Protein backbone atom coordinates (compact mmCIF):
# COMPACT_ATOMS: atom_id res chain seq x y z
CA MET A 1 49.89 -22.39 -22.74
CA GLU A 2 47.46 -22.15 -19.88
CA GLN A 3 44.55 -19.77 -20.25
CA GLN A 4 43.86 -17.53 -17.25
CA ILE A 5 40.60 -15.78 -16.45
CA SER A 6 40.59 -12.81 -14.10
CA LEU A 7 37.95 -10.44 -12.82
CA ASP A 8 38.68 -6.78 -12.30
CA VAL A 9 38.22 -5.38 -8.82
CA VAL A 10 35.60 -2.63 -9.05
CA ASN A 11 35.32 -1.68 -5.36
CA LYS A 12 38.83 -1.79 -3.89
CA ASN A 13 38.04 -0.80 -0.32
CA ALA A 14 34.91 -2.90 0.14
CA ALA A 15 33.43 -4.86 3.01
CA GLY A 16 30.70 -7.48 3.28
CA ILE A 17 28.34 -7.88 6.24
CA ASP A 18 26.25 -10.93 7.06
CA ILE A 19 23.25 -9.56 8.96
CA GLY A 20 21.92 -11.57 11.90
CA SER A 21 19.36 -11.17 14.66
CA ARG A 22 21.94 -11.52 17.47
CA SER A 23 25.22 -10.55 15.79
CA HIS A 24 26.69 -9.19 12.55
CA TRP A 25 29.72 -10.78 10.84
CA VAL A 26 31.90 -8.29 8.95
CA ALA A 27 34.55 -9.19 6.36
CA VAL A 28 36.99 -6.60 5.00
CA GLY A 29 39.05 -9.26 3.22
CA GLN A 30 39.22 -13.00 2.52
CA SER A 31 41.66 -14.01 5.29
CA ASP A 32 40.45 -15.06 8.75
CA ASP A 33 42.12 -12.13 10.52
CA LEU A 34 40.04 -9.69 8.44
CA ILE A 35 36.71 -11.02 9.73
CA LYS A 36 35.12 -9.93 12.98
CA GLU A 37 31.83 -10.43 14.82
CA PHE A 38 29.90 -7.51 16.33
CA GLY A 39 26.80 -7.36 18.51
CA VAL A 40 23.52 -5.68 17.65
CA TYR A 41 23.38 -3.05 20.40
CA ASN A 42 23.78 0.60 19.48
CA GLU A 43 27.32 0.85 20.85
CA ASN A 44 28.28 -2.27 18.88
CA LEU A 45 27.06 -0.69 15.63
CA TYR A 46 29.24 2.39 16.16
CA GLU A 47 32.15 0.12 17.10
CA LEU A 48 31.60 -1.73 13.81
CA ALA A 49 31.69 1.55 11.86
CA HIS A 50 34.89 2.60 13.65
CA TRP A 51 36.52 -0.77 12.79
CA LEU A 52 35.64 -0.26 9.13
CA LYS A 53 37.21 3.21 9.23
CA GLN A 54 40.41 1.70 10.63
CA HIS A 55 40.63 -0.59 7.59
CA ASN A 56 40.00 2.31 5.16
CA ILE A 57 36.69 0.84 3.98
CA GLU A 58 34.65 3.09 1.70
CA SER A 59 31.90 0.81 0.38
CA VAL A 60 29.83 -1.77 2.29
CA ALA A 61 27.40 -4.45 1.05
CA MET A 62 24.79 -6.21 3.17
CA GLU A 63 21.68 -8.33 2.73
CA SER A 64 18.19 -7.02 3.39
CA THR A 65 17.45 -9.62 6.06
CA GLY A 66 14.12 -8.90 7.74
CA ASN A 67 14.35 -5.52 9.45
CA TYR A 68 17.63 -6.26 11.27
CA TRP A 69 19.62 -4.25 8.73
CA GLN A 70 17.86 -0.92 9.22
CA ASN A 71 19.66 0.38 12.31
CA LEU A 72 23.07 -0.66 11.02
CA HIS A 73 22.28 0.88 7.63
CA ALA A 74 21.39 4.21 9.28
CA VAL A 75 24.63 4.22 11.33
CA LEU A 76 26.82 3.45 8.30
CA ILE A 77 25.13 6.13 6.19
CA SER A 78 25.64 8.69 8.96
CA LYS A 79 29.35 7.82 9.06
CA GLY A 80 29.77 8.47 5.34
CA PHE A 81 29.97 4.92 3.97
CA GLU A 82 28.55 3.98 0.59
CA VAL A 83 26.10 1.21 1.48
CA THR A 84 24.71 -1.32 -1.00
CA LEU A 85 21.62 -3.10 0.27
CA CYS A 86 21.04 -6.17 -1.88
CA ASN A 87 18.45 -8.90 -2.18
CA GLY A 88 19.37 -12.16 -0.47
CA LYS A 89 18.77 -14.21 -3.62
CA PHE A 90 21.67 -12.42 -5.35
CA THR A 91 24.15 -13.36 -2.59
CA LYS A 92 23.49 -17.08 -2.35
CA ASN A 93 26.72 -18.92 -1.68
CA ILE A 94 28.14 -21.60 -3.93
CA LYS A 95 27.72 -25.26 -3.02
CA GLY A 96 29.41 -26.11 0.23
CA LYS A 97 29.15 -25.56 3.96
CA LYS A 98 27.18 -22.46 4.88
CA THR A 99 28.41 -20.43 7.83
CA ASP A 100 28.15 -16.79 8.85
CA VAL A 101 31.88 -16.34 8.25
CA LYS A 102 31.71 -17.74 4.72
CA ASP A 103 28.62 -15.69 3.94
CA SER A 104 30.35 -12.45 4.91
CA GLN A 105 33.42 -13.43 2.86
CA TRP A 106 31.26 -14.26 -0.15
CA ILE A 107 29.35 -10.97 0.06
CA GLN A 108 32.68 -9.08 0.34
CA LYS A 109 34.07 -10.89 -2.71
CA LEU A 110 30.97 -10.26 -4.85
CA HIS A 111 30.88 -6.61 -3.85
CA SER A 112 34.59 -6.12 -4.57
CA LEU A 113 34.03 -7.46 -8.09
CA GLY A 114 31.01 -5.22 -8.60
CA LEU A 115 28.57 -8.10 -8.97
CA LEU A 116 25.96 -6.82 -6.51
CA SER A 117 23.20 -4.35 -7.32
CA GLY A 118 21.48 -2.26 -4.68
CA SER A 119 17.81 -2.47 -3.75
CA PHE A 120 15.45 0.48 -3.99
CA LEU A 121 15.26 2.62 -0.86
CA PRO A 122 12.97 5.66 -0.56
CA ASP A 123 14.11 8.98 0.82
CA GLU A 124 13.73 9.72 4.53
CA ASP A 125 10.47 11.69 4.25
CA THR A 126 8.84 9.02 2.09
CA GLU A 127 10.01 6.32 4.49
CA ILE A 128 8.38 8.12 7.44
CA LEU A 129 5.17 8.57 5.45
CA ARG A 130 5.32 4.88 4.53
CA ILE A 131 5.53 3.87 8.19
CA PHE A 132 2.39 5.91 8.98
CA THR A 133 0.37 4.55 6.05
CA ARG A 134 1.39 0.93 6.72
CA HIS A 135 0.51 1.33 10.38
CA ARG A 136 -2.87 2.75 9.32
CA TYR A 137 -3.42 -0.27 7.10
CA ASN A 138 -2.72 -2.58 10.05
CA LEU A 139 -5.21 -0.62 12.18
CA ILE A 140 -7.86 -1.03 9.49
CA LYS A 141 -7.25 -4.80 9.55
CA GLN A 142 -7.71 -4.77 13.33
CA ALA A 143 -10.99 -2.87 12.92
CA ALA A 144 -12.13 -5.41 10.33
CA SER A 145 -11.28 -8.25 12.72
CA ALA A 146 -13.33 -6.61 15.49
CA THR A 147 -16.23 -6.15 13.04
CA LYS A 148 -16.22 -9.86 12.13
CA LYS A 149 -16.27 -10.81 15.81
CA MET A 150 -19.20 -8.45 16.46
CA GLN A 151 -21.08 -10.16 13.63
CA LYS A 152 -20.26 -13.53 15.19
CA TYR A 153 -21.64 -12.62 18.63
CA LEU A 154 -24.72 -11.00 17.11
CA ARG A 155 -25.46 -14.25 15.28
CA LEU A 156 -24.93 -16.25 18.47
CA MET A 157 -27.45 -13.94 20.15
CA ASN A 158 -29.83 -14.72 17.24
CA ILE A 159 -29.70 -11.08 16.13
CA ARG A 160 -29.37 -11.21 12.34
CA LEU A 161 -28.36 -7.64 11.73
CA ASP A 162 -26.05 -8.75 8.91
CA VAL A 163 -29.09 -9.92 6.90
CA VAL A 164 -31.06 -6.66 6.97
CA VAL A 165 -28.12 -4.23 6.91
CA LYS A 166 -25.40 -4.19 4.26
CA ASP A 167 -22.68 -2.97 6.65
CA VAL A 168 -23.04 -3.74 10.36
CA VAL A 169 -20.72 -0.85 11.23
CA GLY A 170 -22.51 1.61 8.95
CA LEU A 171 -24.81 4.40 10.09
CA THR A 172 -27.72 2.08 10.92
CA GLY A 173 -25.76 -0.94 12.12
CA LEU A 174 -23.47 0.89 14.53
CA LYS A 175 -26.37 2.76 16.18
CA ILE A 176 -28.22 -0.52 16.74
CA ILE A 177 -25.13 -2.29 18.12
CA ARG A 178 -24.47 0.55 20.55
CA ALA A 179 -28.08 0.45 21.73
CA ILE A 180 -27.86 -3.34 22.23
CA ALA A 181 -24.64 -2.89 24.21
CA GLN A 182 -26.39 -0.34 26.43
CA GLY A 183 -29.10 -2.88 27.29
CA GLU A 184 -31.90 -2.14 24.81
CA THR A 185 -33.77 -5.33 23.90
CA ILE A 186 -37.06 -4.17 22.31
CA PRO A 187 -36.77 -4.86 18.54
CA GLU A 188 -39.10 -2.00 17.55
CA LYS A 189 -37.02 0.59 19.41
CA LEU A 190 -33.84 -0.79 17.89
CA ALA A 191 -35.36 -0.72 14.42
CA SER A 192 -36.38 2.93 14.88
CA LEU A 193 -32.68 3.81 14.78
CA ARG A 194 -32.72 2.94 11.08
CA HIS A 195 -31.22 5.55 8.75
CA TYR A 196 -33.67 6.82 6.15
CA ASN A 197 -31.40 5.66 3.32
CA CYS A 198 -31.54 2.03 4.46
CA LYS A 199 -33.29 -0.26 1.95
CA LYS A 200 -35.01 -2.47 4.51
CA SER A 201 -38.09 -1.21 6.34
CA GLU A 202 -38.36 -0.87 10.12
CA GLU A 203 -40.75 -3.82 10.29
CA GLU A 204 -38.31 -6.15 8.52
CA ILE A 205 -35.36 -4.93 10.59
CA ALA A 206 -37.35 -5.46 13.81
CA LYS A 207 -37.95 -9.11 12.86
CA ALA A 208 -34.19 -9.69 12.73
CA LEU A 209 -33.50 -8.14 16.17
CA HIS A 210 -35.14 -10.64 18.52
CA SER A 211 -32.42 -11.72 20.95
CA ASN A 212 -32.11 -14.98 22.89
CA GLY A 213 -30.93 -12.99 25.93
CA ARG A 214 -27.51 -14.64 26.41
CA LYS A 215 -25.48 -12.40 28.78
CA ASP A 216 -22.12 -13.97 27.95
CA PHE A 217 -22.43 -13.17 24.27
CA LEU A 218 -23.62 -9.65 25.14
CA TYR A 219 -20.50 -9.11 27.25
CA ALA A 220 -18.25 -10.27 24.40
CA LEU A 221 -20.14 -8.00 21.99
CA LYS A 222 -19.53 -4.99 24.25
CA ASP A 223 -15.83 -5.83 24.39
CA GLU A 224 -15.52 -6.03 20.62
CA LEU A 225 -17.47 -2.77 20.21
CA ASP A 226 -15.05 -1.05 22.58
CA THR A 227 -12.13 -2.47 20.59
CA TYR A 228 -13.64 -1.29 17.31
CA GLU A 229 -14.22 2.25 18.57
CA PHE A 230 -10.74 2.38 20.13
CA VAL A 231 -9.15 1.35 16.84
CA GLN A 232 -11.24 3.92 14.96
CA LYS A 233 -9.88 6.57 17.31
CA LYS A 234 -6.33 5.41 16.59
CA ILE A 235 -7.02 5.54 12.85
CA ARG A 236 -8.11 9.18 13.14
CA GLU A 237 -4.96 9.98 15.12
CA CYS A 238 -2.86 8.27 12.47
CA ASP A 239 -4.64 10.34 9.80
CA HIS A 240 -3.47 13.52 11.55
CA GLN A 241 0.12 12.23 11.47
CA ILE A 242 -0.17 11.47 7.74
CA ALA A 243 -1.68 14.90 7.03
CA SER A 244 1.05 16.75 8.94
CA LYS A 245 3.79 14.74 7.20
CA LEU A 246 2.30 15.47 3.77
CA ASP A 247 2.18 19.18 4.61
CA GLU A 248 5.80 19.01 5.74
CA ILE A 249 6.95 17.30 2.52
CA ILE A 250 5.06 19.76 0.31
CA GLY A 251 6.17 22.73 2.42
CA LYS A 252 9.86 21.98 1.79
CA ASP A 253 9.52 22.65 -1.97
CA PRO A 254 8.06 26.04 -3.05
CA GLU A 255 7.41 24.63 -6.53
CA LYS A 256 5.02 22.04 -5.11
CA GLN A 257 3.04 24.67 -3.21
CA GLU A 258 2.18 26.60 -6.38
CA HIS A 259 -0.07 23.89 -7.83
CA HIS A 260 -3.82 23.73 -7.24
CA ILE A 261 -6.61 21.50 -8.53
CA ASP A 262 -10.38 21.41 -8.09
CA LYS A 263 -12.17 18.62 -6.25
CA LYS A 264 -13.38 15.53 -8.07
CA PRO A 265 -17.02 14.88 -7.06
CA TYR A 266 -17.20 11.83 -9.32
CA LYS A 267 -14.57 9.95 -7.28
CA ARG A 268 -16.21 7.80 -4.64
CA ILE A 269 -14.83 8.07 -1.14
CA ASN A 270 -14.33 4.65 0.44
CA LYS A 271 -15.10 4.30 4.14
CA ASN A 272 -11.41 3.51 4.75
CA THR A 273 -10.22 6.66 2.97
CA PRO A 274 -8.73 9.32 5.29
CA LYS A 275 -11.56 11.77 5.93
CA ASP A 276 -9.59 14.90 6.85
CA ILE A 277 -7.00 14.74 4.06
CA ASP A 278 -7.58 16.17 0.59
CA ILE A 279 -5.55 13.49 -1.18
CA ASN A 280 -6.56 14.89 -4.56
CA LEU A 281 -4.89 18.23 -3.79
CA LYS A 282 -1.96 16.77 -1.80
CA SER A 283 -0.99 14.32 -4.54
CA TYR A 284 -1.31 17.00 -7.22
CA LYS A 285 1.10 19.21 -5.28
CA MET A 286 3.51 16.42 -4.32
CA PHE A 287 3.88 15.26 -7.94
CA LYS A 288 4.19 18.87 -9.16
CA GLY A 289 1.04 19.17 -11.24
CA THR A 290 0.56 15.49 -12.13
CA ASP A 291 -3.05 14.39 -11.72
CA LEU A 292 -2.85 10.66 -10.99
CA LEU A 293 -6.57 10.56 -10.16
CA ALA A 294 -7.32 11.34 -13.81
CA ILE A 295 -6.64 7.66 -14.51
CA GLU A 296 -9.77 5.54 -14.27
CA GLY A 297 -9.60 2.93 -11.55
CA MET A 298 -7.32 5.04 -9.34
CA SER A 299 -8.82 5.79 -5.93
CA TYR A 300 -7.66 8.04 -3.08
CA ASN A 301 -6.17 5.11 -1.15
CA LYS A 302 -4.22 3.88 -4.19
CA VAL A 303 -2.76 7.32 -4.83
CA LEU A 304 -1.81 7.55 -1.14
CA THR A 305 -0.02 4.21 -1.53
CA ILE A 306 1.99 5.59 -4.46
CA MET A 307 2.95 8.67 -2.43
CA SER A 308 4.05 6.63 0.57
CA GLU A 309 5.72 3.64 -1.10
CA VAL A 310 7.91 5.43 -3.70
CA GLY A 311 7.13 9.14 -3.64
CA TYR A 312 8.02 11.77 -6.23
CA ASP A 313 11.80 11.38 -5.99
CA GLY A 314 11.55 7.59 -5.71
CA ILE A 315 9.89 7.08 -9.09
CA LYS A 316 12.62 9.17 -10.72
CA LYS A 317 15.25 6.72 -9.47
CA PHE A 318 14.06 4.25 -12.12
CA LYS A 319 15.73 5.09 -15.46
CA THR A 320 12.92 3.73 -17.61
CA ALA A 321 9.35 2.52 -17.24
CA LYS A 322 10.66 -1.00 -17.84
CA HIS A 323 12.88 -0.73 -14.78
CA PHE A 324 9.87 0.43 -12.76
CA THR A 325 7.62 -2.43 -13.89
CA SER A 326 10.42 -4.95 -13.39
CA TRP A 327 10.96 -3.72 -9.81
CA LEU A 328 7.21 -4.09 -9.19
CA ARG A 329 7.41 -7.63 -10.61
CA LEU A 330 4.74 -6.89 -13.14
CA ALA A 331 6.96 -7.62 -16.16
CA PRO A 332 7.48 -11.17 -17.53
CA ASN A 333 10.69 -12.86 -16.37
CA ASN A 334 11.73 -14.36 -19.70
CA LYS A 335 14.10 -17.33 -19.59
CA VAL A 336 15.55 -18.17 -23.01
CA SER A 337 17.78 -21.11 -23.91
CA GLY A 338 18.60 -22.48 -27.35
CA GLY A 339 16.57 -19.72 -28.94
CA LYS A 340 13.41 -20.88 -27.16
CA VAL A 341 11.50 -19.14 -24.40
CA LEU A 342 11.48 -21.66 -21.56
CA SER A 343 9.45 -19.52 -19.17
CA SER A 344 7.86 -16.07 -19.10
CA LYS A 345 6.16 -16.10 -15.72
CA ILE A 346 5.78 -13.04 -13.57
CA GLY A 347 8.28 -12.95 -10.72
CA LYS A 348 7.10 -13.99 -7.27
CA GLY A 349 6.46 -11.46 -4.55
CA SER A 350 3.94 -8.69 -4.08
CA SER A 351 4.76 -5.26 -2.73
CA ARG A 352 2.01 -3.00 -1.41
CA LEU A 353 2.27 -0.85 -4.52
CA LYS A 354 1.91 -3.88 -6.78
CA ILE A 355 -1.21 -4.96 -4.88
CA ALA A 356 -2.65 -1.44 -5.17
CA LEU A 357 -2.09 -1.37 -8.94
CA ARG A 358 -3.65 -4.82 -9.33
CA ASN A 359 -6.68 -3.67 -7.35
CA ALA A 360 -6.93 -0.62 -9.63
CA ALA A 361 -6.71 -2.90 -12.66
CA ASN A 362 -9.48 -5.09 -11.25
CA ALA A 363 -11.64 -1.97 -10.76
CA ILE A 364 -11.00 -1.01 -14.39
CA GLY A 365 -12.16 -4.46 -15.46
CA ASN A 366 -15.45 -3.91 -13.60
CA LEU A 367 -16.22 -0.61 -15.37
CA LYS A 368 -19.40 -0.81 -17.44
CA ASP A 369 -18.55 2.19 -19.60
CA SER A 370 -16.02 2.10 -22.42
CA THR A 371 -12.61 3.58 -21.53
CA PRO A 372 -9.16 3.05 -23.12
CA LEU A 373 -7.85 1.01 -20.19
CA GLY A 374 -11.18 -0.82 -19.88
CA ASP A 375 -11.04 -1.85 -23.54
CA PHE A 376 -7.43 -3.01 -23.11
CA PHE A 377 -8.47 -5.08 -20.08
CA GLN A 378 -11.32 -6.74 -21.98
CA ARG A 379 -9.06 -7.64 -24.92
CA ILE A 380 -6.56 -9.40 -22.66
CA ASN A 381 -9.41 -10.96 -20.67
CA PHE A 382 -10.91 -12.43 -23.84
CA ARG A 383 -7.60 -13.97 -24.97
CA LYS A 384 -5.89 -15.03 -21.72
CA GLY A 385 -8.36 -14.75 -18.85
CA ARG A 386 -8.99 -12.31 -16.04
CA VAL A 387 -5.86 -13.03 -13.99
CA SER A 388 -3.58 -12.22 -16.94
CA ALA A 389 -5.71 -9.18 -17.76
CA ILE A 390 -5.29 -7.81 -14.22
CA THR A 391 -1.51 -8.25 -14.38
CA ALA A 392 -1.22 -6.72 -17.85
CA THR A 393 -3.41 -3.74 -16.94
CA ALA A 394 -1.49 -3.21 -13.69
CA ARG A 395 1.73 -3.11 -15.69
CA LYS A 396 0.18 -0.63 -18.11
CA LEU A 397 -0.87 1.53 -15.16
CA ALA A 398 2.71 1.49 -13.84
CA VAL A 399 4.02 2.62 -17.24
CA ILE A 400 1.42 5.40 -17.42
CA ILE A 401 2.27 6.61 -13.90
CA TRP A 402 6.02 6.61 -14.63
CA ASN A 403 5.51 8.60 -17.85
CA MET A 404 3.22 11.07 -16.09
CA VAL A 405 5.60 11.73 -13.19
CA VAL A 406 9.01 11.46 -14.86
CA LYS A 407 8.33 12.69 -18.40
CA GLY A 408 5.37 14.93 -17.60
CA VAL A 409 3.11 13.20 -20.14
CA PRO A 410 -0.54 13.85 -19.13
CA TYR A 411 -2.99 10.97 -19.23
CA GLU A 412 -5.70 11.49 -21.81
CA ASN A 413 -9.05 9.74 -21.69
CA PRO A 414 -11.13 10.63 -24.79
CA GLU A 415 -14.36 9.80 -22.97
CA GLY A 416 -13.33 11.59 -19.79
CA TYR A 417 -15.35 11.50 -16.62
CA LEU A 418 -17.94 14.05 -17.83
CA TYR A 419 -20.24 11.45 -19.37
CA LEU A 420 -19.89 9.14 -16.39
CA ASP A 421 -20.58 12.00 -13.98
CA GLN A 422 -23.73 13.06 -15.87
CA LYS A 423 -24.96 9.46 -15.95
CA ARG A 424 -24.39 9.13 -12.22
CA LYS A 425 -26.39 12.29 -11.55
CA LEU A 426 -29.28 11.10 -13.71
CA GLY A 427 -29.40 7.83 -11.80
CA LEU A 428 -29.30 9.76 -8.53
CA VAL A 429 -32.23 11.92 -9.63
CA LYS A 430 -34.35 8.86 -10.40
CA ARG A 431 -33.60 7.26 -7.05
CA ILE A 432 -34.31 10.42 -5.06
CA ARG A 433 -37.58 11.14 -6.86
CA LYS A 434 -38.84 7.71 -5.85
CA GLN A 435 -38.28 8.63 -2.21
CA ILE A 436 -39.66 12.20 -2.26
CA ASP A 437 -43.14 11.12 -1.21
CA LYS A 438 -41.88 8.43 1.14
CA PHE A 439 -39.64 10.71 3.22
CA GLY A 440 -41.27 14.07 2.59
CA LEU A 441 -38.38 15.57 0.64
CA THR A 442 -38.93 18.71 -1.44
CA ASN A 443 -37.61 19.69 -4.85
CA ASP A 444 -35.19 22.09 -3.10
CA ASP A 445 -33.72 19.15 -1.17
CA LEU A 446 -33.42 17.27 -4.45
CA GLN A 447 -31.52 20.11 -6.13
CA ILE A 448 -29.15 20.53 -3.17
CA THR A 449 -28.34 16.80 -3.19
CA ILE A 450 -27.64 16.80 -6.94
CA ASN A 451 -25.37 19.84 -6.72
CA GLN A 452 -23.37 18.21 -3.96
């Protein structure tokens, strides 16, 4: 008696689409007459959707190939299809010749049998916010590139501003570069633009500003300065778009608008942090009273990344914290055979959220004061090294964030930020008192600075 193995059809009216840059191959069945090629223009996409309707298709599966799938995905969703966007590694064909026709047939077969799982997709508002924040990140990289080139041309002009100033595009450095671009060559006049908080004296700065007078390098420096300032202008414009989108998202839900939280003076504001957006308040409202900045190591930019990459509704799509950490590829990918663990490496690939959590974990590892997450980091660091400690702490952060947002479990730090804030103020008092006589500050100025 022959034994037969059969698989149940889960999605009866299913189609598979092989996404391409120039054309899309669609299969609504396994025979050749049920496969058709469509173009990538807008009219072709609507023609594709109409053809699927003619064959009574209800569910469609496609690969997430580059960004070619996005327009087709939007059209199919608008036409009422159930679309499953899957990772390409789950649709790899069996051994044999690989063609677009066979790929579409294979995707249709897997989807009909219910063997494909969909990828995570944020809601429309979060996706728009994600576009703005990713574009802002790219602008920051362009500004950093222009800064490096300005440093290069300054060195070629024998102006060693990078030696006497910590940041060449800081308060002191940018004033000096602008003066050089305007034709100022006297080192003493350039050094007089020094900000009072700069560690180096005017005399030492003046020694580093003797130019060799090369006009070609000066021209290139002016060009890069113009590029830098243009990009900074674009960053500010992008900040306005992000702020308006956050207000729009929060404004749609009256429950989010009810929440309010005080400012956190102990959180340092990075120079790349949006200046005109109160991320502390916006995130507290968006996550309905969840204070993500209460976690040590979390900065304004990292919280903005969480808001834009997954959002409030996006985190709730993950059933458990384990699903969330697995999606971030922060959980070990255990491979077991014969009762033995063959491999437990972390999966390859880094999303922007994963990178943000790893950066937060690295910041926790640099904390000098004892905190729960800091102690956890040091224990892993002692046993397995810093790289493993960063990954483990990033995973722990993901679990904490999921529990805070989904289950409403507040994060508790027994030490809190009170001790750290008081210690910071005491250090600030000592530094300012050393400069009272030097800069003519009064005790009133000292008190105002401390209160701020």
